[in-house]
């Protein structure tokens, strides 16, 4: 499947801006590597490996890609799938056990803009 990043109505790509803003190059590389694995293997194989999980309880299908870094930093990449394309919707540092609803709401809104 092809990976594309969400592009806002004003032409910005917030996910790439977030990644480019990361100071730790190892963390950035780890996130990019996981996104590459998602593109190569698809969500089903990574789901079986425990790297991907479907976020339940919402009207649209949002998936999370889990990236754990050596420094105990945990990142989540939220994505949706439309017409055989994986759309990277949101990337953030996960600091709590549950994903904040605002992060999910932001991802749903971005996905709906692409439908």
N, C-alpha and C. Protein backbone atom coordinates (compact mmCIF):
# COMPACT_ATOMS: atom_id res chain seq x y z
N UNK A 1 0.84 -1.18 0.00
CA UNK A 1 0.00 0.00 0.00
C UNK A 1 0.88 1.24 0.00
N UNK A 2 0.38 2.25 -0.64
CA UNK A 2 1.12 3.51 -0.71
C UNK A 2 0.83 4.35 0.54
N UNK A 3 1.87 5.00 1.04
CA UNK A 3 1.74 5.90 2.19
C UNK A 3 1.64 7.33 1.67
N UNK A 4 0.65 8.05 2.16
CA UNK A 4 0.55 9.49 1.89
C UNK A 4 0.30 10.18 3.23
N UNK A 5 0.74 11.40 3.32
CA UNK A 5 0.52 12.19 4.54
C UNK A 5 -0.64 13.14 4.31
N UNK A 6 -1.41 13.34 5.35
CA UNK A 6 -2.52 14.29 5.31
C UNK A 6 -1.98 15.68 4.96
N UNK A 7 -2.67 16.35 4.04
CA UNK A 7 -2.33 17.72 3.66
C UNK A 7 -3.52 18.59 4.05
N UNK A 8 -3.25 19.61 4.87
CA UNK A 8 -4.32 20.50 5.34
C UNK A 8 -4.83 21.38 4.19
N UNK A 9 -6.00 21.99 4.35
CA UNK A 9 -6.53 22.87 3.30
C UNK A 9 -5.59 24.01 2.92
N UNK A 10 -4.73 24.43 3.84
CA UNK A 10 -3.78 25.50 3.53
C UNK A 10 -2.45 24.97 2.97
N UNK A 11 -2.41 23.66 2.68
CA UNK A 11 -1.25 23.08 2.03
C UNK A 11 -0.15 22.60 2.96
N UNK A 12 -0.36 22.67 4.26
CA UNK A 12 0.66 22.20 5.21
C UNK A 12 0.50 20.71 5.43
N UNK A 13 1.62 20.08 5.82
CA UNK A 13 1.63 18.66 6.13
C UNK A 13 2.06 18.53 7.59
N UNK A 14 1.08 18.55 8.51
CA UNK A 14 1.41 18.59 9.93
C UNK A 14 2.22 17.40 10.45
N UNK A 15 2.02 16.24 9.87
CA UNK A 15 2.77 15.07 10.34
C UNK A 15 4.26 15.19 10.00
N UNK A 16 4.56 15.66 8.81
CA UNK A 16 5.97 15.85 8.44
C UNK A 16 6.58 17.02 9.22
N UNK A 17 5.79 18.06 9.49
CA UNK A 17 6.28 19.17 10.30
C UNK A 17 6.63 18.68 11.70
N UNK A 18 5.79 17.81 12.26
CA UNK A 18 6.07 17.25 13.58
C UNK A 18 7.36 16.44 13.56
N UNK A 19 7.49 15.57 12.57
CA UNK A 19 8.70 14.74 12.49
C UNK A 19 9.95 15.59 12.29
N UNK A 20 9.86 16.59 11.42
CA UNK A 20 11.02 17.45 11.18
C UNK A 20 11.38 18.27 12.42
N UNK A 21 10.42 18.48 13.31
CA UNK A 21 10.67 19.24 14.53
C UNK A 21 11.29 18.42 15.65
N UNK A 22 11.33 17.09 15.49
CA UNK A 22 11.95 16.27 16.53
C UNK A 22 13.45 16.50 16.56
N UNK A 23 13.97 16.69 17.73
CA UNK A 23 15.40 16.97 17.89
C UNK A 23 16.22 15.68 17.85
N UNK A 24 15.71 14.64 18.48
CA UNK A 24 16.43 13.36 18.56
C UNK A 24 16.32 12.63 17.22
N UNK A 25 17.43 12.54 16.52
CA UNK A 25 17.45 11.92 15.19
C UNK A 25 17.16 10.42 15.24
N UNK A 26 17.52 9.76 16.33
CA UNK A 26 17.25 8.33 16.45
C UNK A 26 15.75 8.08 16.58
N UNK A 27 15.06 8.94 17.34
CA UNK A 27 13.61 8.79 17.48
C UNK A 27 12.94 9.03 16.13
N UNK A 28 13.37 10.07 15.44
CA UNK A 28 12.81 10.40 14.13
C UNK A 28 13.00 9.22 13.17
N UNK A 29 14.20 8.65 13.14
CA UNK A 29 14.49 7.52 12.26
C UNK A 29 13.62 6.31 12.61
N UNK A 30 13.43 6.06 13.89
CA UNK A 30 12.62 4.92 14.32
C UNK A 30 11.16 5.07 13.84
N UNK A 31 10.62 6.29 13.94
CA UNK A 31 9.25 6.53 13.47
C UNK A 31 9.17 6.34 11.96
N UNK A 32 10.13 6.92 11.22
CA UNK A 32 10.16 6.76 9.76
C UNK A 32 10.29 5.28 9.39
N UNK A 33 11.13 4.54 10.11
CA UNK A 33 11.31 3.11 9.83
C UNK A 33 10.00 2.35 10.03
N UNK A 34 9.28 2.67 11.10
CA UNK A 34 8.00 1.99 11.35
C UNK A 34 6.98 2.33 10.27
N UNK A 35 6.96 3.57 9.83
CA UNK A 35 6.05 3.96 8.74
C UNK A 35 6.43 3.22 7.45
N UNK A 36 7.72 3.05 7.21
CA UNK A 36 8.17 2.29 6.03
C UNK A 36 7.73 0.84 6.12
N UNK A 37 7.82 0.25 7.31
CA UNK A 37 7.36 -1.13 7.50
C UNK A 37 5.86 -1.23 7.22
N UNK A 38 5.12 -0.23 7.65
CA UNK A 38 3.69 -0.20 7.41
C UNK A 38 3.41 -0.20 5.91
N UNK A 39 4.18 0.59 5.16
CA UNK A 39 4.01 0.65 3.72
C UNK A 39 4.36 -0.68 3.05
N UNK A 40 5.42 -1.29 3.51
CA UNK A 40 5.89 -2.53 2.89
C UNK A 40 4.98 -3.72 3.23
N UNK A 41 4.65 -3.87 4.52
CA UNK A 41 3.93 -5.06 4.97
C UNK A 41 2.42 -4.87 5.12
N UNK A 42 1.95 -3.62 5.22
CA UNK A 42 0.53 -3.37 5.41
C UNK A 42 0.12 -3.54 6.86
N UNK A 43 -1.06 -3.06 7.17
CA UNK A 43 -1.48 -3.06 8.58
C UNK A 43 -1.79 -4.45 9.10
N UNK A 44 -2.19 -5.38 8.25
CA UNK A 44 -2.57 -6.71 8.74
C UNK A 44 -1.37 -7.48 9.33
N UNK A 45 -0.23 -7.43 8.66
CA UNK A 45 0.95 -8.13 9.19
C UNK A 45 1.45 -7.46 10.46
N UNK A 46 1.42 -6.12 10.49
CA UNK A 46 1.86 -5.42 11.69
C UNK A 46 0.85 -5.57 12.82
N UNK A 47 -0.41 -5.76 12.48
CA UNK A 47 -1.43 -6.05 13.48
C UNK A 47 -1.11 -7.37 14.17
N UNK A 48 -0.78 -8.37 13.39
CA UNK A 48 -0.43 -9.68 13.93
C UNK A 48 0.83 -9.62 14.79
N UNK A 49 1.73 -8.69 14.47
CA UNK A 49 2.98 -8.55 15.22
C UNK A 49 2.82 -7.65 16.45
N UNK A 50 1.64 -7.06 16.63
CA UNK A 50 1.41 -6.21 17.78
C UNK A 50 1.88 -4.78 17.62
N UNK A 51 2.28 -4.38 16.42
CA UNK A 51 2.75 -3.01 16.17
C UNK A 51 1.62 -2.07 15.78
N UNK A 52 0.50 -2.64 15.33
CA UNK A 52 -0.64 -1.85 14.88
C UNK A 52 -1.88 -2.32 15.64
N UNK A 53 -2.75 -1.38 15.93
CA UNK A 53 -4.00 -1.70 16.60
C UNK A 53 -5.10 -0.79 16.06
N UNK A 54 -6.28 -1.36 15.90
CA UNK A 54 -7.43 -0.56 15.47
C UNK A 54 -8.01 0.14 16.69
N UNK A 55 -8.31 1.42 16.55
CA UNK A 55 -8.93 2.17 17.63
C UNK A 55 -10.43 1.94 17.53
N UNK A 56 -11.00 1.39 18.58
CA UNK A 56 -12.40 0.98 18.55
C UNK A 56 -13.32 2.06 19.10
N UNK A 57 -14.57 2.00 18.68
CA UNK A 57 -15.60 2.86 19.23
C UNK A 57 -15.86 4.13 18.45
N UNK A 58 -15.38 4.20 17.21
CA UNK A 58 -15.57 5.41 16.40
C UNK A 58 -16.23 5.04 15.09
N UNK A 59 -16.86 6.01 14.46
CA UNK A 59 -17.63 5.77 13.24
C UNK A 59 -16.77 5.50 12.01
N UNK A 60 -15.50 5.88 12.08
CA UNK A 60 -14.57 5.61 10.98
C UNK A 60 -13.42 4.76 11.51
N UNK A 61 -12.76 4.06 10.61
CA UNK A 61 -11.65 3.20 11.02
C UNK A 61 -10.36 4.02 11.14
N UNK A 62 -9.89 4.13 12.36
CA UNK A 62 -8.61 4.78 12.64
C UNK A 62 -7.70 3.71 13.25
N UNK A 63 -6.49 3.67 12.78
CA UNK A 63 -5.50 2.69 13.25
C UNK A 63 -4.35 3.44 13.92
N UNK A 64 -3.69 2.75 14.86
CA UNK A 64 -2.50 3.33 15.48
C UNK A 64 -1.30 2.44 15.24
N UNK A 65 -0.20 3.07 14.89
CA UNK A 65 1.08 2.41 14.72
C UNK A 65 1.91 2.79 15.94
N UNK A 66 2.43 1.78 16.64
CA UNK A 66 3.15 2.02 17.89
C UNK A 66 4.65 2.04 17.65
N UNK A 67 5.29 3.09 18.13
CA UNK A 67 6.74 3.19 18.04
C UNK A 67 7.30 3.45 19.43
N UNK A 68 8.14 2.56 19.91
CA UNK A 68 8.80 2.74 21.20
C UNK A 68 10.28 3.00 20.95
N UNK A 69 10.78 4.04 21.59
CA UNK A 69 12.18 4.41 21.41
C UNK A 69 12.98 4.02 22.65
N UNK A 70 14.28 3.96 22.50
CA UNK A 70 15.17 3.52 23.57
C UNK A 70 15.03 4.39 24.82
N UNK A 71 14.80 5.67 24.65
CA UNK A 71 14.75 6.59 25.78
C UNK A 71 13.38 6.60 26.47
N UNK A 72 12.64 5.49 26.35
CA UNK A 72 11.31 5.34 26.94
C UNK A 72 10.29 6.32 26.38
N UNK A 73 10.58 6.91 25.25
CA UNK A 73 9.61 7.76 24.56
C UNK A 73 8.72 6.85 23.72
N UNK A 74 7.44 7.10 23.78
CA UNK A 74 6.48 6.31 23.03
C UNK A 74 5.76 7.25 22.07
N UNK A 75 5.75 6.88 20.80
CA UNK A 75 5.07 7.67 19.79
C UNK A 75 3.96 6.86 19.17
N UNK A 76 2.92 7.56 18.76
CA UNK A 76 1.83 6.93 18.05
C UNK A 76 1.63 7.66 16.73
N UNK A 77 1.47 6.88 15.69
CA UNK A 77 1.12 7.39 14.37
C UNK A 77 -0.29 6.89 14.08
N UNK A 78 -1.22 7.82 13.96
CA UNK A 78 -2.60 7.43 13.65
C UNK A 78 -2.80 7.55 12.15
N UNK A 79 -3.46 6.54 11.58
CA UNK A 79 -3.66 6.53 10.13
C UNK A 79 -5.01 5.93 9.78
N UNK A 80 -5.44 6.22 8.57
CA UNK A 80 -6.64 5.65 8.00
C UNK A 80 -6.30 5.07 6.64
N UNK A 81 -7.22 4.30 6.10
CA UNK A 81 -6.98 3.67 4.80
C UNK A 81 -8.14 4.04 3.87
N UNK A 82 -7.80 4.61 2.73
CA UNK A 82 -8.78 4.98 1.72
C UNK A 82 -8.24 4.55 0.36
N UNK A 83 -9.02 3.75 -0.35
CA UNK A 83 -8.66 3.34 -1.72
C UNK A 83 -7.23 2.82 -1.82
N UNK A 84 -6.88 1.87 -1.00
CA UNK A 84 -5.55 1.25 -1.00
C UNK A 84 -4.42 2.22 -0.71
N UNK A 85 -4.72 3.32 -0.04
CA UNK A 85 -3.69 4.25 0.40
C UNK A 85 -3.78 4.39 1.91
N UNK A 86 -2.63 4.36 2.55
CA UNK A 86 -2.55 4.60 3.98
C UNK A 86 -2.28 6.09 4.16
N UNK A 87 -3.19 6.77 4.84
CA UNK A 87 -3.06 8.21 5.05
C UNK A 87 -2.59 8.44 6.48
N UNK A 88 -1.38 8.98 6.60
CA UNK A 88 -0.84 9.31 7.92
C UNK A 88 -1.54 10.59 8.37
N UNK A 89 -2.29 10.49 9.47
CA UNK A 89 -3.14 11.59 9.90
C UNK A 89 -2.57 12.39 11.06
N UNK A 90 -1.85 11.72 11.96
CA UNK A 90 -1.42 12.38 13.18
C UNK A 90 -0.26 11.60 13.78
N UNK A 91 0.74 12.31 14.30
CA UNK A 91 1.85 11.69 15.01
C UNK A 91 2.05 12.49 16.28
N UNK A 92 2.20 11.77 17.39
CA UNK A 92 2.37 12.47 18.66
C UNK A 92 3.10 11.58 19.66
N UNK A 93 3.60 12.21 20.70
CA UNK A 93 4.27 11.54 21.79
C UNK A 93 3.18 11.13 22.78
N UNK A 94 3.09 9.85 23.04
CA UNK A 94 2.07 9.35 23.96
C UNK A 94 2.62 9.36 25.37
N UNK A 95 2.00 10.15 26.24
CA UNK A 95 2.48 10.31 27.61
C UNK A 95 1.59 9.63 28.63
N UNK A 96 0.41 9.18 28.21
CA UNK A 96 -0.54 8.56 29.13
C UNK A 96 -0.91 7.17 28.61
N UNK A 97 -1.57 6.41 29.45
CA UNK A 97 -1.97 5.05 29.05
C UNK A 97 -2.91 5.06 27.85
N UNK A 98 -3.87 5.95 27.87
CA UNK A 98 -4.85 6.01 26.78
C UNK A 98 -4.50 7.15 25.84
N UNK A 99 -4.92 7.00 24.61
CA UNK A 99 -4.73 8.08 23.64
C UNK A 99 -5.77 9.16 23.95
N UNK A 100 -5.34 10.38 23.99
CA UNK A 100 -6.28 11.48 24.26
C UNK A 100 -7.32 11.57 23.15
N UNK A 101 -8.55 11.84 23.56
CA UNK A 101 -9.65 11.92 22.60
C UNK A 101 -9.43 13.01 21.57
N UNK A 102 -8.77 14.10 21.98
CA UNK A 102 -8.56 15.18 21.01
C UNK A 102 -7.64 14.73 19.88
N UNK A 103 -6.69 13.84 20.16
CA UNK A 103 -5.81 13.32 19.11
C UNK A 103 -6.61 12.45 18.15
N UNK A 104 -7.53 11.66 18.69
CA UNK A 104 -8.38 10.82 17.84
C UNK A 104 -9.33 11.70 17.03
N UNK A 105 -9.94 12.68 17.69
CA UNK A 105 -10.87 13.59 16.99
C UNK A 105 -10.17 14.33 15.86
N UNK A 106 -8.96 14.77 16.10
CA UNK A 106 -8.18 15.46 15.06
C UNK A 106 -7.95 14.52 13.88
N UNK A 107 -7.63 13.27 14.17
CA UNK A 107 -7.37 12.29 13.11
C UNK A 107 -8.63 11.98 12.32
N UNK A 108 -9.75 11.85 13.02
CA UNK A 108 -11.03 11.58 12.34
C UNK A 108 -11.38 12.74 11.42
N UNK A 109 -11.24 13.95 11.91
CA UNK A 109 -11.53 15.13 11.10
C UNK A 109 -10.66 15.16 9.85
N UNK A 110 -9.38 14.87 10.01
CA UNK A 110 -8.47 14.87 8.87
C UNK A 110 -8.82 13.77 7.88
N UNK A 111 -9.21 12.61 8.39
CA UNK A 111 -9.59 11.50 7.50
C UNK A 111 -10.83 11.86 6.71
N UNK A 112 -11.81 12.45 7.37
CA UNK A 112 -13.06 12.82 6.69
C UNK A 112 -12.82 13.85 5.60
N UNK A 113 -11.81 14.68 5.74
CA UNK A 113 -11.47 15.65 4.69
C UNK A 113 -10.95 14.95 3.43
N UNK A 114 -10.48 13.72 3.59
CA UNK A 114 -9.92 12.97 2.46
C UNK A 114 -10.91 11.99 1.83
N UNK A 115 -12.09 11.88 2.41
CA UNK A 115 -13.08 10.92 1.89
C UNK A 115 -13.85 11.57 0.75
